[in-house]
Amino acid sequence: MRTQFKKQRSWIRWIIPVLSVACFAYFGFHSWHGAYGLNSAEALEIRRVDLTERLARLDDRRQHLERKVMLLSDGAVEADMLDERARLFLNVAREDEVVYFN
């Protein structure tokens, strides 16, 4: 009586480790370089800082404009504000004056 043994192939036992390494490499690469990866997080942080600074500048500008509007619409218009607005809109100045507009 003869017994036949199947020869075990050595490459079959490497299938799961190779697929695991491939998956780790794929997800590892995309966690570093992907749209929401670590490199993107640094770029988003830089953009957040820039936008925060811009917001602070715009907030200061808005407060400045609100103060000017308050002076104009307070019921009793300040004489300096009235003079400034008249000179700006009418382009009027006396001959001995130098006017600088912002």
PDB file of N, CA and C in Angstrom:
ATOM      1  N   MET A   1       0.837  -1.174   0.000  1.00  0.00           N
ATOM      2  CA  MET A   1       0.000   0.000   0.000  1.00  0.00           C
ATOM      3  C   MET A   1       0.878   1.232   0.000  1.00  0.00           C
ATOM      4  N   ARG A   2       0.473   2.120  -0.829  1.00  0.00           N
ATOM      5  CA  ARG A   2       1.236   3.358  -0.992  1.00  0.00           C
ATOM      6  C   ARG A   2       0.467   4.534  -0.449  1.00  0.00           C
ATOM      7  N   THR A   3       1.154   5.418   0.220  1.00  0.00           N
ATOM      8  CA  THR A   3       0.530   6.636   0.720  1.00  0.00           C
ATOM      9  C   THR A   3       1.111   7.814  -0.043  1.00  0.00           C
ATOM     10  N   GLN A   4       0.215   8.655  -0.492  1.00  0.00           N
ATOM     11  CA  GLN A   4       0.691   9.848  -1.210  1.00  0.00           C
ATOM     12  C   GLN A   4       0.578  11.059  -0.294  1.00  0.00           C
ATOM     13  N   PHE A   5       1.655  11.730  -0.184  1.00  0.00           N
ATOM     14  CA  PHE A   5       1.667  12.953   0.607  1.00  0.00           C
ATOM     15  C   PHE A   5       1.676  14.151  -0.337  1.00  0.00           C
ATOM     16  N   LYS A   6       0.900  15.118   0.039  1.00  0.00           N
ATOM     17  CA  LYS A   6       0.939  16.347  -0.751  1.00  0.00           C
ATOM     18  C   LYS A   6       2.090  17.193  -0.253  1.00  0.00           C
ATOM     19  N   LYS A   7       2.812  17.710  -1.162  1.00  0.00           N
ATOM     20  CA  LYS A   7       3.913  18.579  -0.793  1.00  0.00           C
ATOM     21  C   LYS A   7       3.330  19.946  -0.416  1.00  0.00           C
ATOM     22  N   GLN A   8       3.651  20.402   0.759  1.00  0.00           N
ATOM     23  CA  GLN A   8       3.153  21.708   1.182  1.00  0.00           C
ATOM     24  C   GLN A   8       3.971  22.795   0.506  1.00  0.00           C
ATOM     25  N   ARG A   9       3.246  23.725  -0.014  1.00  0.00           N
ATOM     26  CA  ARG A   9       3.922  24.837  -0.674  1.00  0.00           C
ATOM     27  C   ARG A   9       4.308  25.870   0.383  1.00  0.00           C
ATOM     28  N   SER A  10       5.522  26.345   0.316  1.00  0.00           N
ATOM     29  CA  SER A  10       6.020  27.255   1.348  1.00  0.00           C
ATOM     30  C   SER A  10       5.489  28.680   1.158  1.00  0.00           C
ATOM     31  N   TRP A  11       5.093  29.043  -0.032  1.00  0.00           N
ATOM     32  CA  TRP A  11       4.632  30.420  -0.270  1.00  0.00           C
ATOM     33  C   TRP A  11       3.236  30.660   0.278  1.00  0.00           C
ATOM     34  N   ILE A  12       2.448  29.643   0.560  1.00  0.00           N
ATOM     35  CA  ILE A  12       1.087  29.810   1.058  1.00  0.00           C
ATOM     36  C   ILE A  12       1.100  30.419   2.466  1.00  0.00           C
ATOM     37  N   ARG A  13       2.061  30.046   3.273  1.00  0.00           N
ATOM     38  CA  ARG A  13       2.078  30.585   4.625  1.00  0.00           C
ATOM     39  C   ARG A  13       2.521  32.050   4.679  1.00  0.00           C
ATOM     40  N   TRP A  14       2.974  32.618   3.559  1.00  0.00           N
ATOM     41  CA  TRP A  14       3.391  34.021   3.510  1.00  0.00           C
ATOM     42  C   TRP A  14       2.291  34.947   2.997  1.00  0.00           C
ATOM     43  N   ILE A  15       1.157  34.412   2.632  1.00  0.00           N
ATOM     44  CA  ILE A  15       0.087  35.232   2.060  1.00  0.00           C
ATOM     45  C   ILE A  15      -0.444  36.231   3.096  1.00  0.00           C
ATOM     46  N   ILE A  16      -0.802  35.770   4.267  1.00  0.00           N
ATOM     47  CA  ILE A  16      -1.382  36.658   5.288  1.00  0.00           C
ATOM     48  C   ILE A  16      -0.373  37.703   5.763  1.00  0.00           C
ATOM     49  N   PRO A  17       0.872  37.376   6.076  1.00  0.00           N
ATOM     50  CA  PRO A  17       1.828  38.422   6.476  1.00  0.00           C
ATOM     51  C   PRO A  17       2.085  39.461   5.376  1.00  0.00           C
ATOM     52  N   VAL A  18       2.161  39.018   4.129  1.00  0.00           N
ATOM     53  CA  VAL A  18       2.400  39.954   3.026  1.00  0.00           C
ATOM     54  C   VAL A  18       1.203  40.886   2.851  1.00  0.00           C
ATOM     55  N   LEU A  19      -0.014  40.349   2.914  1.00  0.00           N
ATOM     56  CA  LEU A  19      -1.203  41.198   2.802  1.00  0.00           C
ATOM     57  C   LEU A  19      -1.295  42.168   3.979  1.00  0.00           C
ATOM     58  N   SER A  20      -0.926  41.709   5.175  1.00  0.00           N
ATOM     59  CA  SER A  20      -0.944  42.586   6.347  1.00  0.00           C
ATOM     60  C   SER A  20       0.047  43.738   6.191  1.00  0.00           C
ATOM     61  N   VAL A  21       1.258  43.429   5.751  1.00  0.00           N
ATOM     62  CA  VAL A  21       2.270  44.475   5.551  1.00  0.00           C
ATOM     63  C   VAL A  21       1.803  45.453   4.467  1.00  0.00           C
ATOM     64  N   ALA A  22       1.187  44.936   3.407  1.00  0.00           N
ATOM     65  CA  ALA A  22       0.693  45.820   2.335  1.00  0.00           C
ATOM     66  C   ALA A  22      -0.392  46.761   2.871  1.00  0.00           C
ATOM     67  N   CYS A  23      -1.304  46.247   3.683  1.00  0.00           N
ATOM     68  CA  CYS A  23      -2.361  47.089   4.255  1.00  0.00           C
ATOM     69  C   CYS A  23      -1.779  48.131   5.203  1.00  0.00           C
ATOM     70  N   PHE A  24      -0.839  47.723   6.050  1.00  0.00           N
ATOM     71  CA  PHE A  24      -0.204  48.678   6.960  1.00  0.00           C
ATOM     72  C   PHE A  24       0.533  49.765   6.183  1.00  0.00           C
ATOM     73  N   ALA A  25       1.220  49.363   5.116  1.00  0.00           N
ATOM     74  CA  ALA A  25       1.951  50.348   4.309  1.00  0.00           C
ATOM     75  C   ALA A  25       0.991  51.317   3.633  1.00  0.00           C
ATOM     76  N   TYR A  26      -0.105  50.807   3.097  1.00  0.00           N
ATOM     77  CA  TYR A  26      -1.087  51.658   2.423  1.00  0.00           C
ATOM     78  C   TYR A  26      -1.687  52.673   3.394  1.00  0.00           C
ATOM     79  N   PHE A  27      -2.186  52.188   4.524  1.00  0.00           N
ATOM     80  CA  PHE A  27      -2.821  53.094   5.479  1.00  0.00           C
ATOM     81  C   PHE A  27      -1.798  54.001   6.163  1.00  0.00           C
ATOM     82  N   GLY A  28      -0.600  53.505   6.369  1.00  0.00           N
ATOM     83  CA  GLY A  28       0.456  54.340   6.944  1.00  0.00           C
ATOM     84  C   GLY A  28       0.834  55.487   6.024  1.00  0.00           C
ATOM     85  N   PHE A  29       0.958  55.198   4.730  1.00  0.00           N
ATOM     86  CA  PHE A  29       1.282  56.247   3.759  1.00  0.00           C
ATOM     87  C   PHE A  29       0.199  57.317   3.729  1.00  0.00           C
ATOM     88  N   HIS A  30      -1.058  56.888   3.694  1.00  0.00           N
ATOM     89  CA  HIS A  30      -2.153  57.853   3.607  1.00  0.00           C
ATOM     90  C   HIS A  30      -2.408  58.585   4.924  1.00  0.00           C
ATOM     91  N   SER A  31      -2.031  57.992   6.030  1.00  0.00           N
ATOM     92  CA  SER A  31      -2.157  58.730   7.287  1.00  0.00           C
ATOM     93  C   SER A  31      -1.107  59.832   7.374  1.00  0.00           C
ATOM     94  N   TRP A  32      -0.027  59.711   6.641  1.00  0.00           N
ATOM     95  CA  TRP A  32       1.000  60.749   6.650  1.00  0.00           C
ATOM     96  C   TRP A  32       0.778  61.769   5.537  1.00  0.00           C
ATOM     97  N   HIS A  33       0.484  61.295   4.316  1.00  0.00           N
ATOM     98  CA  HIS A  33       0.408  62.176   3.153  1.00  0.00           C
ATOM     99  C   HIS A  33      -1.004  62.432   2.650  1.00  0.00           C
ATOM    100  N   GLY A  34      -1.989  61.845   3.239  1.00  0.00           N
ATOM    101  CA  GLY A  34      -3.357  61.976   2.741  1.00  0.00           C
ATOM    102  C   GLY A  34      -3.955  63.348   2.984  1.00  0.00           C
ATOM    103  N   ALA A  35      -5.188  63.531   2.563  1.00  0.00           N
ATOM    104  CA  ALA A  35      -5.876  64.818   2.685  1.00  0.00           C
ATOM    105  C   ALA A  35      -6.043  65.227   4.133  1.00  0.00           C
ATOM    106  N   TYR A  36      -6.194  64.289   5.029  1.00  0.00           N
ATOM    107  CA  TYR A  36      -6.335  64.585   6.455  1.00  0.00           C
ATOM    108  C   TYR A  36      -5.174  64.018   7.257  1.00  0.00           C
ATOM    109  N   GLY A  37      -4.024  63.859   6.613  1.00  0.00           N
ATOM    110  CA  GLY A  37      -2.863  63.285   7.265  1.00  0.00           C
ATOM    111  C   GLY A  37      -2.110  64.288   8.113  1.00  0.00           C
ATOM    112  N   LEU A  38      -0.946  63.845   8.588  1.00  0.00           N
ATOM    113  CA  LEU A  38      -0.150  64.685   9.480  1.00  0.00           C
ATOM    114  C   LEU A  38       0.412  65.916   8.775  1.00  0.00           C
ATOM    115  N   ASN A  39       0.829  65.784   7.517  1.00  0.00           N
ATOM    116  CA  ASN A  39       1.304  66.952   6.776  1.00  0.00           C
ATOM    117  C   ASN A  39       0.186  67.959   6.578  1.00  0.00           C
ATOM    118  N   SER A  40      -1.001  67.500   6.324  1.00  0.00           N
ATOM    119  CA  SER A  40      -2.141  68.397   6.154  1.00  0.00           C
ATOM    120  C   SER A  40      -2.487  69.084   7.459  1.00  0.00           C
ATOM    121  N   ALA A  41      -2.318  68.407   8.555  1.00  0.00           N
ATOM    122  CA  ALA A  41      -2.612  69.016   9.856  1.00  0.00           C
ATOM    123  C   ALA A  41      -1.703  70.212  10.103  1.00  0.00           C
ATOM    124  N   GLU A  42      -0.441  70.107   9.714  1.00  0.00           N
ATOM    125  CA  GLU A  42       0.470  71.239   9.871  1.00  0.00           C
ATOM    126  C   GLU A  42       0.046  72.403   8.991  1.00  0.00           C
ATOM    127  N   ALA A  43      -0.324  72.115   7.759  1.00  0.00           N
ATOM    128  CA  ALA A  43      -0.765  73.174   6.843  1.00  0.00           C
ATOM    129  C   ALA A  43      -2.058  73.815   7.349  1.00  0.00           C
ATOM    130  N   LEU A  44      -2.967  73.003   7.875  1.00  0.00           N
ATOM    131  CA  LEU A  44      -4.211  73.554   8.413  1.00  0.00           C
ATOM    132  C   LEU A  44      -3.954  74.416   9.647  1.00  0.00           C
ATOM    133  N   GLU A  45      -2.991  74.045  10.464  1.00  0.00           N
ATOM    134  CA  GLU A  45      -2.654  74.844  11.640  1.00  0.00           C
ATOM    135  C   GLU A  45      -2.071  76.197  11.227  1.00  0.00           C
ATOM    136  N   ILE A  46      -1.206  76.212  10.225  1.00  0.00           N
ATOM    137  CA  ILE A  46      -0.644  77.464   9.720  1.00  0.00           C
ATOM    138  C   ILE A  46      -1.750  78.350   9.164  1.00  0.00           C
ATOM    139  N   ARG A  47      -2.672  77.755   8.424  1.00  0.00           N
ATOM    140  CA  ARG A  47      -3.787  78.525   7.860  1.00  0.00           C
ATOM    141  C   ARG A  47      -4.683  79.061   8.976  1.00  0.00           C
ATOM    142  N   ARG A  48      -4.894  78.275  10.032  1.00  0.00           N
ATOM    143  CA  ARG A  48      -5.717  78.717  11.144  1.00  0.00           C
ATOM    144  C   ARG A  48      -5.106  79.938  11.829  1.00  0.00           C
ATOM    145  N   VAL A  49      -3.786  79.923  12.003  1.00  0.00           N
ATOM    146  CA  VAL A  49      -3.109  81.055  12.627  1.00  0.00           C
ATOM    147  C   VAL A  49      -3.236  82.300  11.753  1.00  0.00           C
ATOM    148  N   ASP A  50      -3.042  82.139  10.433  1.00  0.00           N
ATOM    149  CA  ASP A  50      -3.175  83.279   9.520  1.00  0.00           C
ATOM    150  C   ASP A  50      -4.589  83.849   9.546  1.00  0.00           C
ATOM    151  N   LEU A  51      -5.571  82.982   9.525  1.00  0.00           N
ATOM    152  CA  LEU A  51      -6.955  83.455   9.532  1.00  0.00           C
ATOM    153  C   LEU A  51      -7.334  84.094  10.866  1.00  0.00           C
ATOM    154  N   THR A  52      -6.748  83.609  11.958  1.00  0.00           N
ATOM    155  CA  THR A  52      -7.004  84.230  13.263  1.00  0.00           C
ATOM    156  C   THR A  52      -6.443  85.645  13.309  1.00  0.00           C
ATOM    157  N   GLU A  53      -5.240  85.832  12.757  1.00  0.00           N
ATOM    158  CA  GLU A  53      -4.660  87.173  12.687  1.00  0.00           C
ATOM    159  C   GLU A  53      -5.497  88.091  11.801  1.00  0.00           C
ATOM    160  N   ARG A  54      -5.951  87.559  10.678  1.00  0.00           N
ATOM    161  CA  ARG A  54      -6.790  88.359   9.777  1.00  0.00           C
ATOM    162  C   ARG A  54      -8.101  88.740  10.460  1.00  0.00           C
ATOM    163  N   LEU A  55      -8.676  87.806  11.211  1.00  0.00           N
ATOM    164  CA  LEU A  55      -9.907  88.095  11.939  1.00  0.00           C
ATOM    165  C   LEU A  55      -9.685  89.195  12.967  1.00  0.00           C
ATOM    166  N   ALA A  56      -8.552  89.176  13.653  1.00  0.00           N
ATOM    167  CA  ALA A  56      -8.254  90.222  14.638  1.00  0.00           C
ATOM    168  C   ALA A  56      -8.134  91.584  13.963  1.00  0.00           C
ATOM    169  N   ARG A  57      -7.460  91.633  12.793  1.00  0.00           N
ATOM    170  CA  ARG A  57      -7.347  92.906  12.067  1.00  0.00           C
ATOM    171  C   ARG A  57      -8.709  93.394  11.607  1.00  0.00           C
ATOM    172  N   LEU A  58      -9.531  92.493  11.083  1.00  0.00           N
ATOM    173  CA  LEU A  58     -10.859  92.882  10.616  1.00  0.00           C
ATOM    174  C   LEU A  58     -11.752  93.310  11.773  1.00  0.00           C
ATOM    175  N   ASP A  59     -11.586  92.672  12.925  1.00  0.00           N
ATOM    176  CA  ASP A  59     -12.367  93.059  14.091  1.00  0.00           C
ATOM    177  C   ASP A  59     -11.992  94.462  14.557  1.00  0.00           C
ATOM    178  N   ASP A  60     -10.691  94.774  14.545  1.00  0.00           N
ATOM    179  CA  ASP A  60     -10.254  96.128  14.895  1.00  0.00           C
ATOM    180  C   ASP A  60     -10.817  97.146  13.909  1.00  0.00           C
ATOM    181  N   ARG A  61     -10.771  96.811  12.636  1.00  0.00           N
ATOM    182  CA  ARG A  61     -11.308  97.716  11.600  1.00  0.00           C
ATOM    183  C   ARG A  61     -12.811  97.924  11.810  1.00  0.00           C
ATOM    184  N   ARG A  62     -13.531  96.858  12.118  1.00  0.00           N
ATOM    185  CA  ARG A  62     -14.971  96.960  12.347  1.00  0.00           C
ATOM    186  C   ARG A  62     -15.275  97.847  13.550  1.00  0.00           C
ATOM    187  N   GLN A  63     -14.515  97.682  14.624  1.00  0.00           N
ATOM    188  CA  GLN A  63     -14.727  98.523  15.801  1.00  0.00           C
ATOM    189  C   GLN A  63     -14.439  99.986  15.498  1.00  0.00           C
ATOM    190  N   HIS A  64     -13.409 100.234  14.700  1.00  0.00           N
ATOM    191  CA  HIS A  64     -13.103 101.608  14.297  1.00  0.00           C
ATOM    192  C   HIS A  64     -14.264 102.205  13.500  1.00  0.00           C
ATOM    193  N   LEU A  65     -14.784 101.443  12.554  1.00  0.00           N
ATOM    194  CA  LEU A  65     -15.908 101.934  11.744  1.00  0.00           C
ATOM    195  C   LEU A  65     -17.167 102.113  12.584  1.00  0.00           C
ATOM    196  N   GLU A  66     -17.385 101.230  13.562  1.00  0.00           N
ATOM    197  CA  GLU A  66     -18.551 101.388  14.443  1.00  0.00           C
ATOM    198  C   GLU A  66     -18.445 102.665  15.269  1.00  0.00           C
ATOM    199  N   ARG A  67     -17.233 102.996  15.719  1.00  0.00           N
ATOM    200  CA  ARG A  67     -17.056 104.253  16.463  1.00  0.00           C
ATOM    201  C   ARG A  67     -17.351 105.456  15.580  1.00  0.00           C
ATOM    202  N   LYS A  68     -16.900 105.394  14.312  1.00  0.00           N
ATOM    203  CA  LYS A  68     -17.168 106.510  13.405  1.00  0.00           C
ATOM    204  C   LYS A  68     -18.662 106.648  13.134  1.00  0.00           C
ATOM    205  N   VAL A  69     -19.344 105.530  12.945  1.00  0.00           N
ATOM    206  CA  VAL A  69     -20.786 105.568  12.701  1.00  0.00           C
ATOM    207  C   VAL A  69     -21.513 106.090  13.928  1.00  0.00           C
ATOM    208  N   MET A  70     -21.068 105.691  15.117  1.00  0.00           N
ATOM    209  CA  MET A  70     -21.699 106.156  16.341  1.00  0.00           C
ATOM    210  C   MET A  70     -21.556 107.677  16.473  1.00  0.00           C
ATOM    211  N   LEU A  71     -20.394 108.201  16.097  1.00  0.00           N
ATOM    212  CA  LEU A  71     -20.199 109.647  16.167  1.00  0.00           C
ATOM    213  C   LEU A  71     -21.089 110.380  15.160  1.00  0.00           C
ATOM    214  N   LEU A  72     -21.325 109.747  14.017  1.00  0.00           N
ATOM    215  CA  LEU A  72     -22.158 110.391  12.992  1.00  0.00           C
ATOM    216  C   LEU A  72     -23.644 110.272  13.301  1.00  0.00           C
ATOM    217  N   SER A  73     -24.067 109.194  13.909  1.00  0.00           N
ATOM    218  CA  SER A  73     -25.505 108.964  14.059  1.00  0.00           C
ATOM    219  C   SER A  73     -25.966 109.042  15.519  1.00  0.00           C
ATOM    220  N   ASP A  74     -25.257 109.751  16.340  1.00  0.00           N
ATOM    221  CA  ASP A  74     -25.597 109.839  17.753  1.00  0.00           C
ATOM    222  C   ASP A  74     -26.697 110.868  18.023  1.00  0.00           C
ATOM    223  N   GLY A  75     -27.224 111.502  17.031  1.00  0.00           N
ATOM    224  CA  GLY A  75     -28.230 112.548  17.233  1.00  0.00           C
ATOM    225  C   GLY A  75     -27.569 113.908  17.204  1.00  0.00           C
ATOM    226  N   ALA A  76     -26.526 114.090  17.946  1.00  0.00           N
ATOM    227  CA  ALA A  76     -25.743 115.317  17.923  1.00  0.00           C
ATOM    228  C   ALA A  76     -24.436 114.992  17.203  1.00  0.00           C
ATOM    229  N   VAL A  77     -24.310 115.412  15.971  1.00  0.00           N
ATOM    230  CA  VAL A  77     -23.145 115.100  15.159  1.00  0.00           C
ATOM    231  C   VAL A  77     -21.961 115.924  15.649  1.00  0.00           C
ATOM    232  N   GLU A  78     -20.842 115.262  15.837  1.00  0.00           N
ATOM    233  CA  GLU A  78     -19.624 115.952  16.245  1.00  0.00           C
ATOM    234  C   GLU A  78     -19.194 116.908  15.141  1.00  0.00           C
ATOM    235  N   ALA A  79     -18.725 118.067  15.510  1.00  0.00           N
ATOM    236  CA  ALA A  79     -18.328 119.076  14.525  1.00  0.00           C
ATOM    237  C   ALA A  79     -17.156 118.595  13.676  1.00  0.00           C
ATOM    238  N   ASP A  80     -16.205 117.907  14.300  1.00  0.00           N
ATOM    239  CA  ASP A  80     -15.053 117.419  13.548  1.00  0.00           C
ATOM    240  C   ASP A  80     -15.471 116.366  12.523  1.00  0.00           C
ATOM    241  N   MET A  81     -16.370 115.477  12.920  1.00  0.00           N
ATOM    242  CA  MET A  81     -16.828 114.441  11.982  1.00  0.00           C
ATOM    243  C   MET A  81     -17.610 115.064  10.835  1.00  0.00           C
ATOM    244  N   LEU A  82     -18.438 116.041  11.131  1.00  0.00           N
ATOM    245  CA  LEU A  82     -19.202 116.717  10.084  1.00  0.00           C
ATOM    246  C   LEU A  82     -18.270 117.419   9.118  1.00  0.00           C
ATOM    247  N   ASP A  83     -17.249 118.095   9.641  1.00  0.00           N
ATOM    248  CA  ASP A  83     -16.278 118.784   8.805  1.00  0.00           C
ATOM    249  C   ASP A  83     -15.511 117.791   7.929  1.00  0.00           C
ATOM    250  N   GLU A  84     -15.105 116.674   8.516  1.00  0.00           N
ATOM    251  CA  GLU A  84     -14.367 115.656   7.763  1.00  0.00           C
ATOM    252  C   GLU A  84     -15.221 115.073   6.641  1.00  0.00           C
ATOM    253  N   ARG A  85     -16.469 114.737   6.937  1.00  0.00           N
ATOM    254  CA  ARG A  85     -17.364 114.173   5.919  1.00  0.00           C
ATOM    255  C   ARG A  85     -17.640 115.172   4.795  1.00  0.00           C
ATOM    256  N   ALA A  86     -17.854 116.446   5.151  1.00  0.00           N
ATOM    257  CA  ALA A  86     -18.120 117.460   4.129  1.00  0.00           C
ATOM    258  C   ALA A  86     -16.912 117.631   3.222  1.00  0.00           C
ATOM    259  N   ARG A  87     -15.721 117.638   3.799  1.00  0.00           N
ATOM    260  CA  ARG A  87     -14.516 117.790   2.989  1.00  0.00           C
ATOM    261  C   ARG A  87     -14.293 116.557   2.100  1.00  0.00           C
ATOM    262  N   LEU A  88     -14.603 115.397   2.609  1.00  0.00           N
ATOM    263  CA  LEU A  88     -14.402 114.181   1.824  1.00  0.00           C
ATOM    264  C   LEU A  88     -15.371 114.110   0.652  1.00  0.00           C
ATOM    265  N   PHE A  89     -16.639 114.359   0.893  1.00  0.00           N
ATOM    266  CA  PHE A  89     -17.638 114.213  -0.169  1.00  0.00           C
ATOM    267  C   PHE A  89     -17.644 115.381  -1.146  1.00  0.00           C
ATOM    268  N   LEU A  90     -17.348 116.570  -0.668  1.00  0.00           N
ATOM    269  CA  LEU A  90     -17.409 117.748  -1.527  1.00  0.00           C
ATOM    270  C   LEU A  90     -16.037 118.164  -2.062  1.00  0.00           C
ATOM    271  N   ASN A  91     -14.974 117.518  -1.594  1.00  0.00           N
ATOM    272  CA  ASN A  91     -13.609 117.857  -1.985  1.00  0.00           C
ATOM    273  C   ASN A  91     -13.338 119.345  -1.777  1.00  0.00           C
ATOM    274  N   VAL A  92     -13.695 119.828  -0.608  1.00  0.00           N
ATOM    275  CA  VAL A  92     -13.550 121.236  -0.291  1.00  0.00           C
ATOM    276  C   VAL A  92     -12.478 121.397   0.776  1.00  0.00           C
ATOM    277  N   ALA A  93     -11.608 122.336   0.578  1.00  0.00           N
ATOM    278  CA  ALA A  93     -10.611 122.706   1.581  1.00  0.00           C
ATOM    279  C   ALA A  93     -10.292 124.185   1.381  1.00  0.00           C
ATOM    280  N   ARG A  94      -9.861 124.805   2.441  1.00  0.00           N
ATOM    281  CA  ARG A  94      -9.465 126.197   2.311  1.00  0.00           C
ATOM    282  C   ARG A  94      -8.100 126.266   1.640  1.00  0.00           C
ATOM    283  N   GLU A  95      -7.773 127.432   1.161  1.00  0.00           N
ATOM    284  CA  GLU A  95      -6.533 127.579   0.384  1.00  0.00           C
ATOM    285  C   GLU A  95      -5.291 127.337   1.231  1.00  0.00           C
ATOM    286  N   ASP A  96      -5.341 127.629   2.503  1.00  0.00           N
ATOM    287  CA  ASP A  96      -4.166 127.488   3.348  1.00  0.00           C
ATOM    288  C   ASP A  96      -4.109 126.146   4.079  1.00  0.00           C
ATOM    289  N   GLU A  97      -4.898 125.185   3.681  1.00  0.00           N
ATOM    290  CA  GLU A  97      -4.955 123.889   4.360  1.00  0.00           C
ATOM    291  C   GLU A  97      -4.381 122.783   3.497  1.00  0.00           C
ATOM    292  N   VAL A  98      -3.854 121.795   4.168  1.00  0.00           N
ATOM    293  CA  VAL A  98      -3.425 120.560   3.527  1.00  0.00           C
ATOM    294  C   VAL A  98      -4.249 119.454   4.165  1.00  0.00           C
ATOM    295  N   VAL A  99      -4.964 118.681   3.340  1.00  0.00           N
ATOM    296  CA  VAL A  99      -5.880 117.666   3.856  1.00  0.00           C
ATOM    297  C   VAL A  99      -5.353 116.292   3.449  1.00  0.00           C
ATOM    298  N   TYR A 100      -5.238 115.405   4.443  1.00  0.00           N
ATOM    299  CA  TYR A 100      -4.835 114.017   4.216  1.00  0.00           C
ATOM    300  C   TYR A 100      -6.007 113.114   4.554  1.00  0.00           C
ATOM    301  N   PHE A 101      -6.385 112.266   3.599  1.00  0.00           N
ATOM    302  CA  PHE A 101      -7.484 111.320   3.840  1.00  0.00           C
ATOM    303  C   PHE A 101      -6.902 109.929   3.995  1.00  0.00           C
ATOM    304  N   ASN A 102      -7.502 109.143   4.880  1.00  0.00           N
ATOM    305  CA  ASN A 102      -7.057 107.748   5.091  1.00  0.00           C
ATOM    306  C   ASN A 102      -7.812 106.821   4.222  1.00  0.00           C
TER     307      ASN A 102
END
